[in-house]
Amino acid sequence: MGRHVRAGGKTLTLLGTPRTFLILRSLGEGTKCQLDLRRDAGFPAQSTLRGHLASLEKAGIVVKQRRDVFPGAFEYDLTDLGCELLTVARGVERWLATAPHGPLELGSDPAKAAIKGLAESWTATVLSALADGPLTLTELDKRIVAVSYPTIERCLQTMHLAEQLEIGPRSSRGTPYAITDWLRHGLAPLAHAARWEHRHRADGAAAVDHLDIADALMLSAPLFDLPGRLSGICQLAVGDPHGSAKDRRLGYIEVRRRELSYGEAYPEIKPDAWASGTVDSWFATVIDTNPDSLKLSGDQDLALAIFERLHKALFASAAREQATVAEPQPQG
């Protein structure tokens, strides 16, 4: 798309490649020889399969070892890294299963289009630009200065084909585009993908920054189920664990009248609660509901209630499913 892919986008694009997922799913069942993998991957040409396996092996996702039974033959296993990537893929599967017009199977062309729409709209910041409400193509072009008009237009076309947009009636302003709640829920697999990249410093992947966190909060805000009693301002900080206080980036979440908003922190903002942590801390808090590594002060109940509801909006159903399904174990 002519610019660096944002955190999580590289992994989503990898999983959007049909044969990559089919190989991961096959190896999630255990050790496989190349013949079995070729069958499970839909009988691609041997050279094509070898190319995919070589790429996954280079990335540390699969490991190849020589079989004792047949000299010269090889078997393949998922590494620990590959098992975690398969878990990310299953999160993508859960999101695709809730598509508006019926489940999409990961590995199919419609699923590939949906993943492409999510990844490209995230990288082009079209997704975050539409977080607060509908905008026309012209309005998006004025708001997104770092991306060209044709790129924004192509991104909208991809999202439209993937049924990720609601298109309003044309007016003098132009045709307004709004993102669906289903696309907002795509933040869950996107977050899992970004954490996988962050944990393993995936080659060529972008680092998670404060703008990623801010955009995720704005996008998820309409999905929150907030009680009427909850109100106040929680100031947030995220920084490098080895950096100084000056390296921290600040913002705030405000809850008022059962609605949530996000803004940049200024001296005149008087928060009721403070929450500070590294990128790892924020992932653990929101995805795993484990805020132990965050530094909290002020009204901690307010802060924890916000994070609990963010988790519930995006990850609660996945957590219930994972509680009943055993994840694959590495074989070698």
Foldseek 3Di string as FASTA:
>chain_A
DPDAFAFLLVLLLQQLALLSLQLLVQQLVHKDWLVSSCVSSPNDPSVVSVVSVVVCVVQQQKDWDADPPDPPTIIIHGDPLNLLSNVLSVLLQVLQQVQPVGHDGRSDPLSSLQSCLLRLCVRQVVLLVQLVHWDALVRVCVVRVVDDSVSSVVSVVSCVSSVQWDWDDQDPRGIIIHGDVSSLLVVQSSLSSSVSCQVVVGPSGDHDDPVNVQSNCSNCQVLFADDQVAWWKEKEWEADPPDDPVRIFIKMWTAHRRGIDIGGDDPVDDGQKYKYDYPVLLSCCQQVVDNPRIDIDGPVVNVSVVSVRNNVSHPPVVVVVPVPDDRRDTDD
